[in-house]
Protein backbone atom coordinates (compact mmCIF):
# COMPACT_ATOMS: atom_id res chain seq x y z
CA UNK A 1 2.36 -22.85 16.24
CA UNK A 2 5.10 -22.79 18.84
CA UNK A 3 5.68 -19.40 20.42
CA UNK A 4 9.31 -18.16 20.56
CA UNK A 5 10.98 -17.81 23.96
CA UNK A 6 11.56 -14.35 25.33
CA UNK A 7 15.15 -13.37 24.65
CA UNK A 8 17.50 -10.46 25.11
CA UNK A 9 18.98 -8.85 22.02
CA UNK A 10 22.26 -10.63 22.76
CA UNK A 11 20.42 -13.96 22.53
CA UNK A 12 19.08 -13.32 19.03
CA UNK A 13 21.13 -15.47 16.62
CA UNK A 14 22.51 -14.43 13.28
CA UNK A 15 19.83 -15.03 10.66
CA UNK A 16 20.01 -16.94 7.44
CA UNK A 17 16.44 -15.90 6.52
CA UNK A 18 14.32 -12.79 7.16
CA UNK A 19 11.88 -13.04 10.07
CA UNK A 20 8.25 -12.07 9.59
CA UNK A 21 6.13 -11.63 12.71
CA UNK A 22 2.44 -12.19 11.93
CA UNK A 23 0.14 -10.54 14.49
CA UNK A 24 -3.28 -12.05 13.84
CA UNK A 25 -5.93 -13.53 16.15
CA UNK A 26 -6.77 -16.26 13.62
CA UNK A 27 -4.40 -19.15 14.41
CA UNK A 28 -5.36 -21.02 11.24
CA UNK A 29 -4.38 -18.08 9.02
CA UNK A 30 -1.03 -17.73 10.82
CA UNK A 31 -0.19 -21.43 10.48
CA UNK A 32 -1.16 -21.57 6.79
CA UNK A 33 0.84 -18.44 6.07
CA UNK A 34 3.85 -19.83 7.93
CA UNK A 35 3.80 -23.02 5.86
CA UNK A 36 3.54 -21.11 2.58
CA UNK A 37 6.14 -18.41 3.30
CA UNK A 38 8.72 -20.68 4.91
CA UNK A 39 8.80 -22.54 1.59
CA UNK A 40 9.82 -19.18 0.07
CA UNK A 41 12.70 -18.67 2.52
CA UNK A 42 10.91 -16.44 5.04
CA UNK A 43 10.89 -17.46 8.70
CA UNK A 44 7.46 -16.84 10.22
CA UNK A 45 6.45 -16.55 13.86
CA UNK A 46 3.00 -15.70 15.20
CA UNK A 47 1.36 -13.59 17.89
CA UNK A 48 -2.35 -13.63 18.48
CA UNK A 49 -3.04 -10.30 20.20
CA UNK A 50 -1.47 -6.84 20.18
CA UNK A 51 0.18 -7.08 23.60
CA UNK A 52 2.03 -10.33 22.92
CA UNK A 53 2.95 -9.06 19.46
CA UNK A 54 4.61 -5.96 20.96
CA UNK A 55 6.61 -8.17 23.34
CA UNK A 56 7.79 -10.31 20.44
CA UNK A 57 8.80 -7.26 18.41
CA UNK A 58 11.12 -6.25 21.24
CA UNK A 59 12.45 -9.76 21.84
CA UNK A 60 12.86 -11.02 18.27
CA UNK A 61 13.59 -7.84 16.33
CA UNK A 62 11.74 -9.18 13.28
CA UNK A 63 12.63 -7.81 9.85
CA UNK A 64 8.96 -7.19 9.00
CA UNK A 65 5.67 -7.28 10.91
CA UNK A 66 2.33 -8.18 9.33
CA UNK A 67 -0.54 -7.04 11.54
CA UNK A 68 -4.22 -7.79 11.03
CA UNK A 69 -6.78 -4.99 11.21
CA UNK A 70 -8.72 -7.33 13.53
CA UNK A 71 -5.98 -7.33 16.18
CA UNK A 72 -7.24 -7.43 19.78
CA UNK A 73 -6.05 -6.11 23.19
CA UNK A 74 -4.03 -3.42 21.37
CA UNK A 75 -5.72 -2.37 18.13
CA UNK A 76 -3.89 -2.35 14.83
CA UNK A 77 -3.51 1.45 14.54
CA UNK A 78 -2.06 1.83 18.04
CA UNK A 79 0.16 -1.19 17.43
CA UNK A 80 1.56 0.33 14.23
CA UNK A 81 2.21 3.63 15.97
CA UNK A 82 4.02 1.96 18.88
CA UNK A 83 6.20 -0.24 16.67
CA UNK A 84 7.19 2.56 14.33
CA UNK A 85 8.07 4.92 17.18
CA UNK A 86 10.04 2.40 19.23
CA UNK A 87 11.60 0.09 16.66
CA UNK A 88 11.26 1.49 13.15
CA UNK A 89 10.39 -1.99 11.85
CA UNK A 90 8.40 -2.03 8.58
CA UNK A 91 4.76 -2.89 9.31
CA UNK A 92 2.33 -4.29 6.74
CA UNK A 93 -1.39 -4.05 7.53
CA UNK A 94 -3.76 -6.86 6.54
CA UNK A 95 -7.22 -5.45 5.83
CA UNK A 96 -10.56 -7.01 4.97
CA UNK A 97 -13.97 -5.73 3.88
CA UNK A 98 -15.13 -2.68 5.80
CA UNK A 99 -11.69 -1.73 7.12
CA UNK A 100 -10.69 0.89 4.55
CA UNK A 101 -10.90 3.79 7.02
CA UNK A 102 -8.73 1.88 9.48
CA UNK A 103 -6.20 1.34 6.69
CA UNK A 104 -5.96 5.10 6.13
CA UNK A 105 -5.39 5.69 9.85
CA UNK A 106 -2.76 2.95 10.02
CA UNK A 107 -0.90 4.39 7.04
CA UNK A 108 -0.95 7.80 8.74
CA UNK A 109 0.45 6.11 11.86
CA UNK A 110 3.39 4.75 9.89
CA UNK A 111 2.31 1.47 8.27
CA UNK A 112 4.48 0.69 5.26
CA UNK A 113 1.74 -0.77 3.05
CA UNK A 114 -1.61 -2.56 3.11
CA UNK A 115 -2.39 -6.04 1.84
CA UNK A 116 -5.70 -7.87 1.45
CA UNK A 117 -6.71 -10.32 4.16
CA UNK A 118 -7.19 -13.32 3.82
CA UNK A 119 -3.62 -13.22 2.58
CA UNK A 120 -2.41 -14.45 -0.80
CA UNK A 121 1.26 -15.38 -0.96
CA UNK A 122 1.91 -14.06 -4.51
CA UNK A 123 0.67 -10.65 -3.35
CA UNK A 124 2.24 -10.68 0.10
CA UNK A 125 5.69 -12.07 -0.69
CA UNK A 126 6.93 -9.11 -2.82
CA UNK A 127 5.82 -6.70 -0.08
CA UNK A 128 7.74 -8.66 2.56
CA UNK A 129 10.82 -8.84 0.35
CA UNK A 130 10.55 -5.14 -0.50
CA UNK A 131 10.22 -4.17 3.16
CA UNK A 132 13.25 -6.28 4.07
CA UNK A 133 15.25 -4.67 1.28
CA UNK A 134 14.17 -1.24 2.51
CA UNK A 135 12.96 -0.06 -0.88
CA UNK A 136 9.20 -0.51 -0.62
CA UNK A 137 8.53 3.19 -0.17
CA UNK A 138 10.99 4.20 -2.87
CA UNK A 139 9.61 1.76 -5.43
CA UNK A 140 5.91 2.26 -4.87
CA UNK A 141 3.77 0.96 -7.73
CA UNK A 142 1.31 3.53 -9.07
CA UNK A 143 -1.07 2.99 -11.98
CA UNK A 144 -2.40 6.08 -13.74
CA UNK A 145 -5.13 6.18 -16.38
CA UNK A 146 -6.65 9.51 -17.29
CA UNK A 147 -7.27 11.41 -14.04
CA UNK A 148 -7.41 8.21 -11.95
CA UNK A 149 -4.29 7.27 -9.96
CA UNK A 150 -4.10 4.01 -8.00
CA UNK A 151 -1.30 3.50 -5.48
CA UNK A 152 -1.00 -0.26 -4.98
CA UNK A 153 1.11 -0.39 -1.82
CA UNK A 154 -0.72 2.44 -0.03
CA UNK A 155 -4.18 1.23 -1.07
CA UNK A 156 -5.07 4.76 -2.14
CA UNK A 157 -6.94 6.12 -5.15
CA UNK A 158 -6.97 9.72 -6.35
CA UNK A 159 -9.30 11.19 -8.93
CA UNK A 160 -8.15 14.50 -10.35
CA UNK A 161 -5.64 14.70 -7.50
CA UNK A 162 -8.31 14.28 -4.81
CA UNK A 163 -8.17 11.27 -2.48
CA UNK A 164 -11.13 8.91 -2.90
CA UNK A 165 -11.73 6.25 -0.25
CA UNK A 166 -12.72 2.90 -1.77
CA UNK A 167 -13.85 -0.20 0.10
CA UNK A 168 -11.35 -3.04 -0.33
CA UNK A 169 -13.40 -4.98 -2.90
CA UNK A 170 -13.91 -1.91 -5.08
CA UNK A 171 -10.19 -1.11 -4.82
CA UNK A 172 -9.30 -4.62 -6.01
CA UNK A 173 -11.88 -4.40 -8.80
CA UNK A 174 -10.44 -1.10 -10.00
CA UNK A 175 -6.91 -2.51 -9.73
CA UNK A 176 -7.86 -5.50 -11.91
CA UNK A 177 -9.56 -3.30 -14.50
CA UNK A 178 -6.61 -0.87 -14.62
CA UNK A 179 -4.13 -3.74 -15.01
CA UNK A 180 -6.19 -4.81 -18.01
CA UNK A 181 -6.87 -1.34 -19.41
CA UNK A 182 -8.39 -1.37 -22.91
CA UNK A 183 -9.07 -5.10 -22.65
CA UNK A 184 -12.47 -6.68 -22.19
CA UNK A 185 -12.52 -8.79 -19.04
CA UNK A 186 -15.32 -11.29 -18.54
CA UNK A 187 -17.46 -11.54 -15.44
CA UNK A 188 -15.94 -14.96 -14.82
CA UNK A 189 -12.43 -13.48 -14.84
CA UNK A 190 -13.51 -10.76 -12.42
CA UNK A 191 -15.08 -13.32 -10.07
CA UNK A 192 -11.89 -15.38 -10.17
CA UNK A 193 -9.35 -12.59 -9.74
CA UNK A 194 -11.25 -10.15 -7.49
CA UNK A 195 -13.62 -12.38 -5.52
CA UNK A 196 -11.33 -15.45 -5.79
CA UNK A 197 -14.33 -17.57 -6.62
CA UNK A 198 -15.54 -19.65 -9.54
CA UNK A 199 -19.19 -19.09 -8.64
CA UNK A 200 -20.59 -17.76 -11.94
CA UNK A 201 -24.10 -17.51 -10.42
CA UNK A 202 -23.05 -14.48 -8.34
CA UNK A 203 -22.05 -12.18 -11.19
CA UNK A 204 -24.89 -9.73 -10.40
CA UNK A 205 -22.72 -8.76 -7.42
CA UNK A 206 -20.17 -7.45 -9.93
CA UNK A 207 -22.71 -5.10 -11.52
CA UNK A 208 -23.51 -3.60 -8.11
CA UNK A 209 -19.82 -3.01 -7.32
CA UNK A 210 -19.15 -1.55 -10.78
CA UNK A 211 -22.05 0.87 -10.32
CA UNK A 212 -20.66 2.01 -6.95
CA UNK A 213 -17.15 2.28 -8.36
CA UNK A 214 -18.34 4.44 -11.26
CA UNK A 215 -20.06 6.78 -8.81
CA UNK A 216 -16.91 7.15 -6.67
CA UNK A 217 -14.80 7.82 -9.78
CA UNK A 218 -17.38 10.33 -11.08
CA UNK A 219 -17.78 8.20 -14.20
CA UNK A 220 -21.36 9.39 -14.71
CA UNK A 221 -21.59 8.53 -18.40
CA UNK A 222 -19.74 5.19 -18.19
CA UNK A 223 -16.91 6.53 -20.35
CA UNK A 224 -14.14 5.13 -18.18
CA UNK A 225 -15.64 1.74 -17.29
CA UNK A 226 -17.67 0.46 -20.19
CA UNK A 227 -20.11 -2.44 -20.12
CA UNK A 228 -19.56 -5.04 -22.83
CA UNK A 229 -23.03 -6.56 -22.96
CA UNK A 230 -23.20 -10.27 -22.44
CA UNK A 231 -19.45 -10.46 -21.74
CA UNK A 232 -18.11 -8.19 -19.02
CA UNK A 233 -16.41 -4.79 -18.69
CA UNK A 234 -13.59 -2.72 -20.15
CA UNK A 235 -11.73 0.21 -18.58
CA UNK A 236 -10.85 2.56 -21.42
CA UNK A 237 -7.80 4.79 -21.66
CA UNK A 238 -8.94 8.30 -22.70
CA UNK A 239 -8.60 8.98 -26.46
CA UNK A 240 -7.46 5.40 -27.10
CA UNK A 241 -8.05 4.23 -30.70
CA UNK A 242 -6.14 0.91 -30.80
CA UNK A 243 -8.20 -2.34 -30.99
CA UNK A 244 -9.21 -4.28 -27.90
CA UNK A 245 -6.53 -6.62 -26.46
CA UNK A 246 -6.84 -9.95 -24.72
CA UNK A 247 -6.89 -9.68 -20.93
CA UNK A 248 -3.90 -10.76 -18.85
CA UNK A 249 -4.49 -12.92 -15.79
């Protein structure tokens, strides 16, 4: 991907599309994301380490920055802190497995929201558009079932008002189950929507993650997340008596 020239603020032209700066050391991810988002009317430029990304923030004045938790030279948390202090530009953090603690620190440093990495355009695009519009914080999506509260944009879960740190995969599993509350979802649907895989031979992995998720949610008697033997799982709304519904994809 071509790198933009260094420019003064006076050189920055009037924009017909919002500019997203993607700070990510993986050039393939940046190029694929640029192709997908530019088709949606978002202009994308890339930086492949924290130092060059900071220079581009100052030169380009992007509307939104997407920074990977794997950023080098300047780490993602320090990058977020520097951008928010100096520019006030909305910063989205891309996080993968094992980076949940870093996500919490980045949010404390001023990140606007977190998004799963590798990136998926249907998930990322609304966050970019919301950040550009300036209403992402005001219109935060929160799902609440019983004493479990899941904040989608902040990647946070609270149980009985207490913050519970979930690894990314368990967060996405809980999100999928809560979106389909009181519906039975099959193991195949979970593999497709949470693991983004059609490998039905790996469904034992789901059982392990469900067990861990139940423990973190203090669901000791499996009342919240029920096993539907031979089929999959169902997250049950407390005191619900209506019949099971078909899951939504």
